[in-house]
Amino acid sequence: MINFNKISKLFLVIALTYLLAACSPVIGTGRSQLNLVSDAEINEMAAAQYSELLKESHLSSDRKKSSLIKKVGARISQAAKRMMDEYGRSQEIDNFKWEFNLIDSEEVNAFCMPGGKVAFYTGILDVCESEAGIAAVMGHEVAHALARHGNERVSQQMMAGLGGNLLNIGLQLGGVSTGTYELAMTAFTLGAQYGVLLPYSRAHESEADRLGMVLMSMAGYDPQEAIDLWVRMGKLSDRGGVPYFLSTHPSDSQRIKNLEKYLPDAKAKFTAYTGK
């Protein structure tokens, strides 16, 4: 007869050992994060997805706007290198093969994939309003990549899948009724989504806000613009409908309060790098 208790304990020991080995601190905050996938693997996947995106999209023919995106991107990527140097993690920046492209679309969106693959959509430029506004968005998105949030999200989903599989095995070996089985699996799925994945998503946003402000400051852009940008984002949302950018980047009063709290440190960096 199969002893489920022994099997589950063995899985638990293996999982805990693997988790401890796979934890690393987030740059700038020190929060311990889970990274089960190597940077090389996830960067390769991101590069392939980015290539497909560019093939399926229409790049902007507006040379002035496209050049501005590349200009801001170059300054933010240099700031990213300086930030990694300051934290003694210079070797990690070598994994980034930067690309900055402007996609012709009314979608209010922008993102940076792992490995430094950046896409801006023309629809977000009106909200940015200025070069500094673009830098605020760019800094926030690049911060996600520097903090390895993409890797962490994939790792969380892998662990949630493993937990679900273990529960599935346990319930089947335990001979529970169909009703109990379905209830337990539903409870696990909801618990993973709302108890683990979503809270981590909020942590990612807070870290990207904080690091993004520092990045734009180190690139020579006034970090006050980050606050002004999110105020404009909030007004855009209030007029009805939530742009795609806001569906994963919630703009609310708490976010503005957090940005105001981060502002003094970012201002200090701005002064240090610009003398202003």
C-alpha atoms as a PDB file:
ATOM      1  CA  MET A   1       0.000   0.000   0.000  1.00  0.00           C
ATOM      2  CA  ILE A   2       1.316   3.446  -0.930  1.00  0.00           C
ATOM      3  CA  ASN A   3       2.194   5.585   2.074  1.00  0.00           C
ATOM      4  CA  PHE A   4       1.115   9.062   1.023  1.00  0.00           C
ATOM      5  CA  ASN A   5       2.543  10.687   4.165  1.00  0.00           C
ATOM      6  CA  LYS A   6       6.053   9.493   3.316  1.00  0.00           C
ATOM      7  CA  ILE A   7       5.707  10.549  -0.304  1.00  0.00           C
ATOM      8  CA  SER A   8       4.411  14.002   0.613  1.00  0.00           C
ATOM      9  CA  LYS A   9       7.210  14.512   3.157  1.00  0.00           C
ATOM     10  CA  LEU A  10       9.813  13.539   0.559  1.00  0.00           C
ATOM     11  CA  PHE A  11       8.340  15.978  -1.956  1.00  0.00           C
ATOM     12  CA  LEU A  12       8.296  18.668   0.734  1.00  0.00           C
ATOM     13  CA  VAL A  13      11.971  18.156   1.626  1.00  0.00           C
ATOM     14  CA  ILE A  14      12.999  18.248  -2.029  1.00  0.00           C
ATOM     15  CA  ALA A  15      10.871  21.345  -2.689  1.00  0.00           C
ATOM     16  CA  LEU A  16      12.188  23.225   0.357  1.00  0.00           C
ATOM     17  CA  THR A  17      15.795  22.414  -0.522  1.00  0.00           C
ATOM     18  CA  TYR A  18      15.232  23.650  -4.065  1.00  0.00           C
ATOM     19  CA  LEU A  19      13.454  26.793  -2.876  1.00  0.00           C
ATOM     20  CA  LEU A  20      16.235  27.764  -0.490  1.00  0.00           C
ATOM     21  CA  ALA A  21      18.796  27.368  -3.255  1.00  0.00           C
ATOM     22  CA  ALA A  22      16.698  29.379  -5.698  1.00  0.00           C
ATOM     23  CA  CYS A  23      16.074  32.461  -3.514  1.00  0.00           C
ATOM     24  CA  SER A  24      17.915  35.709  -4.208  1.00  0.00           C
ATOM     25  CA  PRO A  25      17.558  39.360  -3.091  1.00  0.00           C
ATOM     26  CA  VAL A  26      15.829  41.959  -5.254  1.00  0.00           C
ATOM     27  CA  ILE A  27      18.118  44.799  -6.279  1.00  0.00           C
ATOM     28  CA  GLY A  28      17.428  47.992  -4.364  1.00  0.00           C
ATOM     29  CA  THR A  29      15.006  46.482  -1.847  1.00  0.00           C
ATOM     30  CA  GLY A  30      16.639  43.286  -0.613  1.00  0.00           C
ATOM     31  CA  ARG A  31      13.349  41.366  -0.677  1.00  0.00           C
ATOM     32  CA  SER A  32      13.977  37.654  -1.083  1.00  0.00           C
ATOM     33  CA  GLN A  33      12.506  36.361  -4.333  1.00  0.00           C
ATOM     34  CA  LEU A  34      12.103  32.960  -5.950  1.00  0.00           C
ATOM     35  CA  ASN A  35      13.955  32.359  -9.237  1.00  0.00           C
ATOM     36  CA  LEU A  36      13.644  28.799 -10.512  1.00  0.00           C
ATOM     37  CA  VAL A  37      14.560  29.622 -14.115  1.00  0.00           C
ATOM     38  CA  SER A  38      17.985  30.821 -15.238  1.00  0.00           C
ATOM     39  CA  ASP A  39      18.309  34.317 -16.694  1.00  0.00           C
ATOM     40  CA  ALA A  40      19.679  32.814 -19.907  1.00  0.00           C
ATOM     41  CA  GLU A  41      16.586  30.641 -20.363  1.00  0.00           C
ATOM     42  CA  ILE A  42      14.011  33.308 -19.641  1.00  0.00           C
ATOM     43  CA  ASN A  43      15.867  35.937 -21.694  1.00  0.00           C
ATOM     44  CA  GLU A  44      15.947  33.573 -24.662  1.00  0.00           C
ATOM     45  CA  MET A  45      12.202  33.004 -24.381  1.00  0.00           C
ATOM     46  CA  ALA A  46      11.575  36.734 -24.079  1.00  0.00           C
ATOM     47  CA  ALA A  47      13.733  37.515 -27.125  1.00  0.00           C
ATOM     48  CA  ALA A  48      11.768  35.002 -29.202  1.00  0.00           C
ATOM     49  CA  GLN A  49       8.440  36.487 -28.074  1.00  0.00           C
ATOM     50  CA  TYR A  50       9.691  40.008 -28.760  1.00  0.00           C
ATOM     51  CA  SER A  51      10.779  39.018 -32.263  1.00  0.00           C
ATOM     52  CA  GLU A  52       7.316  37.594 -32.955  1.00  0.00           C
ATOM     53  CA  LEU A  53       5.684  40.739 -31.583  1.00  0.00           C
ATOM     54  CA  LEU A  54       7.679  42.951 -33.938  1.00  0.00           C
ATOM     55  CA  LYS A  55       6.784  40.750 -36.906  1.00  0.00           C
ATOM     56  CA  GLU A  56       3.072  40.951 -36.073  1.00  0.00           C
ATOM     57  CA  SER A  57       3.072  44.696 -35.274  1.00  0.00           C
ATOM     58  CA  HIS A  58       3.479  47.876 -37.279  1.00  0.00           C
ATOM     59  CA  LEU A  59       6.469  49.896 -36.156  1.00  0.00           C
ATOM     60  CA  SER A  60       5.887  53.636 -36.112  1.00  0.00           C
ATOM     61  CA  SER A  61       6.994  55.491 -39.231  1.00  0.00           C
ATOM     62  CA  ASP A  62       7.345  58.700 -37.216  1.00  0.00           C
ATOM     63  CA  ARG A  63      11.121  59.043 -37.086  1.00  0.00           C
ATOM     64  CA  LYS A  64      11.051  61.851 -34.523  1.00  0.00           C
ATOM     65  CA  LYS A  65       8.982  59.876 -32.006  1.00  0.00           C
ATOM     66  CA  SER A  66      10.885  56.640 -32.644  1.00  0.00           C
ATOM     67  CA  SER A  67      14.195  58.443 -32.144  1.00  0.00           C
ATOM     68  CA  LEU A  68      12.917  59.922 -28.883  1.00  0.00           C
ATOM     69  CA  ILE A  69      12.050  56.441 -27.568  1.00  0.00           C
ATOM     70  CA  LYS A  70      15.534  55.202 -28.470  1.00  0.00           C
ATOM     71  CA  LYS A  71      17.138  58.300 -26.920  1.00  0.00           C
ATOM     72  CA  VAL A  72      15.317  57.868 -23.610  1.00  0.00           C
ATOM     73  CA  GLY A  73      15.979  54.125 -23.739  1.00  0.00           C
ATOM     74  CA  ALA A  74      19.706  54.703 -24.157  1.00  0.00           C
ATOM     75  CA  ARG A  75      19.792  57.022 -21.137  1.00  0.00           C
ATOM     76  CA  ILE A  76      17.730  54.668 -18.963  1.00  0.00           C
ATOM     77  CA  SER A  77      19.839  51.640 -19.963  1.00  0.00           C
ATOM     78  CA  GLN A  78      23.012  53.537 -19.014  1.00  0.00           C
ATOM     79  CA  ALA A  79      21.408  54.400 -15.681  1.00  0.00           C
ATOM     80  CA  ALA A  80      20.557  50.716 -15.243  1.00  0.00           C
ATOM     81  CA  LYS A  81      24.215  49.825 -15.716  1.00  0.00           C
ATOM     82  CA  ARG A  82      25.256  52.407 -13.120  1.00  0.00           C
ATOM     83  CA  MET A  83      22.658  51.099 -10.685  1.00  0.00           C
ATOM     84  CA  MET A  84      23.843  47.509 -11.070  1.00  0.00           C
ATOM     85  CA  ASP A  85      27.439  48.682 -10.605  1.00  0.00           C
ATOM     86  CA  GLU A  86      26.499  50.450  -7.371  1.00  0.00           C
ATOM     87  CA  TYR A  87      24.975  47.261  -5.984  1.00  0.00           C
ATOM     88  CA  GLY A  88      27.941  45.114  -7.010  1.00  0.00           C
ATOM     89  CA  ARG A  89      25.922  43.218  -9.610  1.00  0.00           C
ATOM     90  CA  SER A  90      27.681  44.412 -12.748  1.00  0.00           C
ATOM     91  CA  GLN A  91      27.824  40.918 -14.216  1.00  0.00           C
ATOM     92  CA  GLU A  92      24.022  40.746 -14.400  1.00  0.00           C
ATOM     93  CA  ILE A  93      23.725  43.713 -16.759  1.00  0.00           C
ATOM     94  CA  ASP A  94      25.694  41.744 -19.364  1.00  0.00           C
ATOM     95  CA  ASN A  95      22.571  39.572 -19.750  1.00  0.00           C
ATOM     96  CA  PHE A  96      20.673  42.558 -21.159  1.00  0.00           C
ATOM     97  CA  LYS A  97      20.630  43.022 -24.936  1.00  0.00           C
ATOM     98  CA  TRP A  98      18.693  46.274 -25.149  1.00  0.00           C
ATOM     99  CA  GLU A  99      16.159  47.014 -27.876  1.00  0.00           C
ATOM    100  CA  PHE A 100      13.734  49.946 -27.936  1.00  0.00           C
ATOM    101  CA  ASN A 101      10.917  50.046 -30.471  1.00  0.00           C
ATOM    102  CA  LEU A 102       7.844  52.217 -30.938  1.00  0.00           C
ATOM    103  CA  ILE A 103       4.765  50.325 -32.156  1.00  0.00           C
ATOM    104  CA  ASP A 104       2.051  52.171 -34.039  1.00  0.00           C
ATOM    105  CA  SER A 105      -1.082  51.437 -32.020  1.00  0.00           C
ATOM    106  CA  GLU A 106      -3.720  53.365 -30.081  1.00  0.00           C
ATOM    107  CA  GLU A 107      -3.208  50.962 -27.176  1.00  0.00           C
ATOM    108  CA  VAL A 108      -2.043  52.750 -24.039  1.00  0.00           C
ATOM    109  CA  ASN A 109       0.743  50.356 -23.211  1.00  0.00           C
ATOM    110  CA  ALA A 110       4.478  49.858 -22.735  1.00  0.00           C
ATOM    111  CA  PHE A 111       6.610  47.062 -21.316  1.00  0.00           C
ATOM    112  CA  CYS A 112      10.144  45.729 -20.903  1.00  0.00           C
ATOM    113  CA  MET A 113      10.676  41.997 -21.298  1.00  0.00           C
ATOM    114  CA  PRO A 114      13.417  40.128 -19.418  1.00  0.00           C
ATOM    115  CA  GLY A 115      16.746  40.823 -21.085  1.00  0.00           C
ATOM    116  CA  GLY A 116      15.899  44.426 -21.991  1.00  0.00           C
ATOM    117  CA  LYS A 117      13.437  44.088 -24.882  1.00  0.00           C
ATOM    118  CA  VAL A 118      11.325  47.263 -24.679  1.00  0.00           C
ATOM    119  CA  ALA A 119       8.133  48.111 -26.574  1.00  0.00           C
ATOM    120  CA  PHE A 120       6.286  51.415 -26.435  1.00  0.00           C
ATOM    121  CA  TYR A 121       2.919  51.952 -28.088  1.00  0.00           C
ATOM    122  CA  THR A 122       2.134  55.314 -29.677  1.00  0.00           C
ATOM    123  CA  GLY A 123      -1.109  55.400 -27.689  1.00  0.00           C
ATOM    124  CA  ILE A 124       0.741  56.026 -24.434  1.00  0.00           C
ATOM    125  CA  LEU A 125       2.737  59.007 -25.706  1.00  0.00           C
ATOM    126  CA  ASP A 126      -0.103  61.493 -25.221  1.00  0.00           C
ATOM    127  CA  VAL A 127      -0.297  60.449 -21.566  1.00  0.00           C
ATOM    128  CA  CYS A 128       3.471  60.776 -21.192  1.00  0.00           C
ATOM    129  CA  GLU A 129       3.270  64.323 -22.635  1.00  0.00           C
ATOM    130  CA  SER A 130       7.039  64.872 -22.605  1.00  0.00           C
ATOM    131  CA  GLU A 131      10.454  63.226 -22.729  1.00  0.00           C
ATOM    132  CA  ALA A 132      10.475  63.127 -18.922  1.00  0.00           C
ATOM    133  CA  GLY A 133       7.080  61.407 -18.970  1.00  0.00           C
ATOM    134  CA  ILE A 134       8.450  58.777 -21.345  1.00  0.00           C
ATOM    135  CA  ALA A 135      11.400  58.332 -18.981  1.00  0.00           C
ATOM    136  CA  ALA A 136       9.007  57.762 -16.072  1.00  0.00           C
ATOM    137  CA  VAL A 137       7.264  54.944 -17.939  1.00  0.00           C
ATOM    138  CA  MET A 138      10.546  53.581 -19.298  1.00  0.00           C
ATOM    139  CA  GLY A 139      12.168  53.613 -15.861  1.00  0.00           C
ATOM    140  CA  HIS A 140       9.222  51.770 -14.317  1.00  0.00           C
ATOM    141  CA  GLU A 141       9.194  49.059 -16.986  1.00  0.00           C
ATOM    142  CA  VAL A 142      12.975  48.583 -17.054  1.00  0.00           C
ATOM    143  CA  ALA A 143      12.880  48.325 -13.250  1.00  0.00           C
ATOM    144  CA  HIS A 144      10.644  45.243 -13.593  1.00  0.00           C
ATOM    145  CA  ALA A 145      13.335  43.614 -15.715  1.00  0.00           C
ATOM    146  CA  LEU A 146      16.223  44.604 -13.415  1.00  0.00           C
ATOM    147  CA  ALA A 147      14.308  43.228 -10.431  1.00  0.00           C
ATOM    148  CA  ARG A 148      13.738  39.968 -12.363  1.00  0.00           C
ATOM    149  CA  HIS A 149       9.992  40.126 -11.810  1.00  0.00           C
ATOM    150  CA  GLY A 150       9.307  38.122 -14.971  1.00  0.00           C
ATOM    151  CA  ASN A 151      11.435  35.269 -13.691  1.00  0.00           C
ATOM    152  CA  GLU A 152       9.741  35.439 -10.310  1.00  0.00           C
ATOM    153  CA  ARG A 153       6.241  35.315 -11.810  1.00  0.00           C
ATOM    154  CA  VAL A 154       7.140  32.256 -13.875  1.00  0.00           C
ATOM    155  CA  SER A 155       8.660  30.642 -10.775  1.00  0.00           C
ATOM    156  CA  GLN A 156       5.552  31.365  -8.692  1.00  0.00           C
ATOM    157  CA  GLN A 157       3.350  29.788 -11.330  1.00  0.00           C
ATOM    158  CA  MET A 158       5.635  26.751 -11.453  1.00  0.00           C
ATOM    159  CA  MET A 159       5.367  26.336  -7.688  1.00  0.00           C
ATOM    160  CA  ALA A 160       1.592  26.819  -7.777  1.00  0.00           C
ATOM    161  CA  GLY A 161       1.424  24.110 -10.438  1.00  0.00           C
ATOM    162  CA  LEU A 162       3.586  21.801  -8.337  1.00  0.00           C
ATOM    163  CA  GLY A 163       1.398  22.396  -5.299  1.00  0.00           C
ATOM    164  CA  GLY A 164      -1.712  21.655  -7.322  1.00  0.00           C
ATOM    165  CA  ASN A 165      -0.204  18.426  -8.624  1.00  0.00           C
ATOM    166  CA  LEU A 166       0.753  17.281  -5.130  1.00  0.00           C
ATOM    167  CA  LEU A 167      -2.742  18.056  -3.847  1.00  0.00           C
ATOM    168  CA  ASN A 168      -4.247  16.196  -6.781  1.00  0.00           C
ATOM    169  CA  ILE A 169      -2.129  13.117  -6.025  1.00  0.00           C
ATOM    170  CA  GLY A 170      -2.953  13.278  -2.340  1.00  0.00           C
ATOM    171  CA  LEU A 171      -6.696  13.541  -2.898  1.00  0.00           C
ATOM    172  CA  GLN A 172      -6.718  10.686  -5.366  1.00  0.00           C
ATOM    173  CA  LEU A 173      -4.661   8.435  -3.088  1.00  0.00           C
ATOM    174  CA  GLY A 174      -6.867   9.408  -0.166  1.00  0.00           C
ATOM    175  CA  GLY A 175      -9.978   8.200  -1.956  1.00  0.00           C
ATOM    176  CA  VAL A 176     -12.052  11.311  -1.254  1.00  0.00           C
ATOM    177  CA  SER A 177     -15.462  11.871  -2.852  1.00  0.00           C
ATOM    178  CA  THR A 178     -15.812  13.753  -6.140  1.00  0.00           C
ATOM    179  CA  GLY A 179     -17.447  16.689  -4.342  1.00  0.00           C
ATOM    180  CA  THR A 180     -14.637  16.966  -1.807  1.00  0.00           C
ATOM    181  CA  TYR A 181     -12.023  16.676  -4.562  1.00  0.00           C
ATOM    182  CA  GLU A 182     -13.557  19.496  -6.625  1.00  0.00           C
ATOM    183  CA  LEU A 183     -13.982  21.727  -3.572  1.00  0.00           C
ATOM    184  CA  ALA A 184     -10.377  21.201  -2.454  1.00  0.00           C
ATOM    185  CA  MET A 185      -8.939  21.916  -5.918  1.00  0.00           C
ATOM    186  CA  THR A 186     -11.078  25.041  -6.304  1.00  0.00           C
ATOM    187  CA  ALA A 187     -10.012  26.300  -2.876  1.00  0.00           C
ATOM    188  CA  PHE A 188      -6.349  25.715  -3.754  1.00  0.00           C
ATOM    189  CA  THR A 189      -6.643  27.561  -7.072  1.00  0.00           C
ATOM    190  CA  LEU A 190      -8.314  30.583  -5.462  1.00  0.00           C
ATOM    191  CA  GLY A 191      -5.810  30.564  -2.606  1.00  0.00           C
ATOM    192  CA  ALA A 192      -2.862  30.517  -5.007  1.00  0.00           C
ATOM    193  CA  GLN A 193      -4.297  33.324  -7.123  1.00  0.00           C
ATOM    194  CA  TYR A 194      -5.460  35.711  -4.415  1.00  0.00           C
ATOM    195  CA  GLY A 195      -3.167  34.689  -1.573  1.00  0.00           C
ATOM    196  CA  VAL A 196       0.143  34.414  -3.456  1.00  0.00           C
ATOM    197  CA  LEU A 197       0.196  35.585  -7.063  1.00  0.00           C
ATOM    198  CA  LEU A 198      -1.776  38.820  -6.754  1.00  0.00           C
ATOM    199  CA  PRO A 199      -0.054  40.056  -3.567  1.00  0.00           C
ATOM    200  CA  TYR A 200       3.303  39.456  -5.224  1.00  0.00           C
ATOM    201  CA  SER A 201       2.081  41.418  -8.229  1.00  0.00           C
ATOM    202  CA  ARG A 202       1.394  44.378  -5.942  1.00  0.00           C
ATOM    203  CA  ALA A 203       4.885  43.994  -4.457  1.00  0.00           C
ATOM    204  CA  HIS A 204       6.340  44.033  -7.970  1.00  0.00           C
ATOM    205  CA  GLU A 205       4.533  47.255  -8.811  1.00  0.00           C
ATOM    206  CA  SER A 206       5.752  48.954  -5.642  1.00  0.00           C
ATOM    207  CA  GLU A 207       9.335  47.893  -6.343  1.00  0.00           C
ATOM    208  CA  ALA A 208       9.132  49.018  -9.974  1.00  0.00           C
ATOM    209  CA  ASP A 209       7.771  52.396  -8.883  1.00  0.00           C
ATOM    210  CA  ARG A 210      10.604  52.857  -6.416  1.00  0.00           C
ATOM    211  CA  LEU A 211      13.424  51.620  -8.658  1.00  0.00           C
ATOM    212  CA  GLY A 212      11.960  53.328 -11.715  1.00  0.00           C
ATOM    213  CA  MET A 213      12.074  56.688  -9.987  1.00  0.00           C
ATOM    214  CA  VAL A 214      15.744  56.162  -9.159  1.00  0.00           C
ATOM    215  CA  LEU A 215      16.525  55.038 -12.705  1.00  0.00           C
ATOM    216  CA  MET A 216      14.988  58.106 -14.313  1.00  0.00           C
ATOM    217  CA  SER A 217      16.791  60.305 -11.775  1.00  0.00           C
ATOM    218  CA  MET A 218      20.139  58.678 -12.561  1.00  0.00           C
ATOM    219  CA  ALA A 219      19.365  59.222 -16.252  1.00  0.00           C
ATOM    220  CA  GLY A 220      18.950  62.956 -15.619  1.00  0.00           C
ATOM    221  CA  TYR A 221      15.142  63.240 -15.538  1.00  0.00           C
ATOM    222  CA  ASP A 222      13.258  64.972 -12.715  1.00  0.00           C
ATOM    223  CA  PRO A 223      11.542  62.173 -10.694  1.00  0.00           C
ATOM    224  CA  GLN A 224       8.613  64.478  -9.872  1.00  0.00           C
ATOM    225  CA  GLU A 225       7.378  63.596 -13.363  1.00  0.00           C
ATOM    226  CA  ALA A 226       6.697  60.026 -12.198  1.00  0.00           C
ATOM    227  CA  ILE A 227       4.065  61.330  -9.773  1.00  0.00           C
ATOM    228  CA  ASP A 228       2.597  63.655 -12.388  1.00  0.00           C
ATOM    229  CA  LEU A 229       2.411  60.760 -14.842  1.00  0.00           C
ATOM    230  CA  TRP A 230       0.407  58.526 -12.506  1.00  0.00           C
ATOM    231  CA  VAL A 231      -1.942  61.396 -11.695  1.00  0.00           C
ATOM    232  CA  ARG A 232      -2.636  61.668 -15.438  1.00  0.00           C
ATOM    233  CA  MET A 233      -3.070  57.901 -15.645  1.00  0.00           C
ATOM    234  CA  GLY A 234      -5.641  58.076 -12.880  1.00  0.00           C
ATOM    235  CA  LYS A 235      -7.578  60.803 -14.691  1.00  0.00           C
ATOM    236  CA  LEU A 236      -7.511  58.726 -17.868  1.00  0.00           C
ATOM    237  CA  SER A 237      -9.051  55.825 -15.991  1.00  0.00           C
ATOM    238  CA  ASP A 238     -11.684  58.082 -14.381  1.00  0.00           C
ATOM    239  CA  ARG A 239     -12.958  59.116 -17.808  1.00  0.00           C
ATOM    240  CA  GLY A 240     -14.223  55.585 -18.369  1.00  0.00           C
ATOM    241  CA  GLY A 241     -12.586  52.304 -19.302  1.00  0.00           C
ATOM    242  CA  VAL A 242      -9.280  50.949 -18.069  1.00  0.00           C
ATOM    243  CA  PRO A 243      -6.402  51.045 -20.588  1.00  0.00           C
ATOM    244  CA  TYR A 244      -4.364  47.860 -20.890  1.00  0.00           C
ATOM    245  CA  PHE A 245      -1.431  49.575 -19.205  1.00  0.00           C
ATOM    246  CA  LEU A 246      -3.570  50.251 -16.132  1.00  0.00           C
ATOM    247  CA  SER A 247      -5.005  46.723 -16.033  1.00  0.00           C
ATOM    248  CA  THR A 248      -1.639  45.484 -14.779  1.00  0.00           C
ATOM    249  CA  HIS A 249      -0.411  48.798 -13.331  1.00  0.00           C
ATOM    250  CA  PRO A 250      -3.139  50.008 -10.956  1.00  0.00           C
ATOM    251  CA  SER A 251      -3.185  53.776 -10.530  1.00  0.00           C
ATOM    252  CA  ASP A 252      -4.659  54.756  -7.188  1.00  0.00           C
ATOM    253  CA  SER A 253      -4.176  57.100  -4.268  1.00  0.00           C
ATOM    254  CA  GLN A 254      -1.932  54.632  -2.441  1.00  0.00           C
ATOM    255  CA  ARG A 255       0.438  54.453  -5.386  1.00  0.00           C
ATOM    256  CA  ILE A 256       0.714  58.248  -5.471  1.00  0.00           C
ATOM    257  CA  LYS A 257       1.378  58.305  -1.714  1.00  0.00           C
ATOM    258  CA  ASN A 258       4.124  55.703  -2.135  1.00  0.00           C
ATOM    259  CA  LEU A 259       5.724  57.679  -4.954  1.00  0.00           C
ATOM    260  CA  GLU A 260       5.698  60.811  -2.804  1.00  0.00           C
ATOM    261  CA  LYS A 261       7.451  58.806  -0.097  1.00  0.00           C
ATOM    262  CA  TYR A 262      10.109  57.626  -2.566  1.00  0.00           C
ATOM    263  CA  LEU A 263      10.609  61.115  -4.046  1.00  0.00           C
ATOM    264  CA  PRO A 264      13.239  62.510  -1.607  1.00  0.00           C
ATOM    265  CA  ASP A 265      15.697  59.646  -2.255  1.00  0.00           C
ATOM    266  CA  ALA A 266      15.104  59.900  -5.994  1.00  0.00           C
ATOM    267  CA  LYS A 267      15.604  63.681  -5.867  1.00  0.00           C
ATOM    268  CA  ALA A 268      18.913  63.147  -4.101  1.00  0.00           C
ATOM    269  CA  LYS A 269      20.043  60.881  -6.940  1.00  0.00           C
ATOM    270  CA  PHE A 270      18.846  63.435  -9.486  1.00  0.00           C
ATOM    271  CA  THR A 271      20.880  66.182  -7.805  1.00  0.00           C
ATOM    272  CA  ALA A 272      23.917  63.929  -7.507  1.00  0.00           C
ATOM    273  CA  TYR A 273      23.892  63.127 -11.226  1.00  0.00           C
ATOM    274  CA  THR A 274      22.825  66.526 -12.608  1.00  0.00           C
ATOM    275  CA  GLY A 275      23.925  69.053  -9.990  1.00  0.00           C
ATOM    276  CA  LYS A 276      20.436  70.573 -10.058  1.00  0.00           C
END
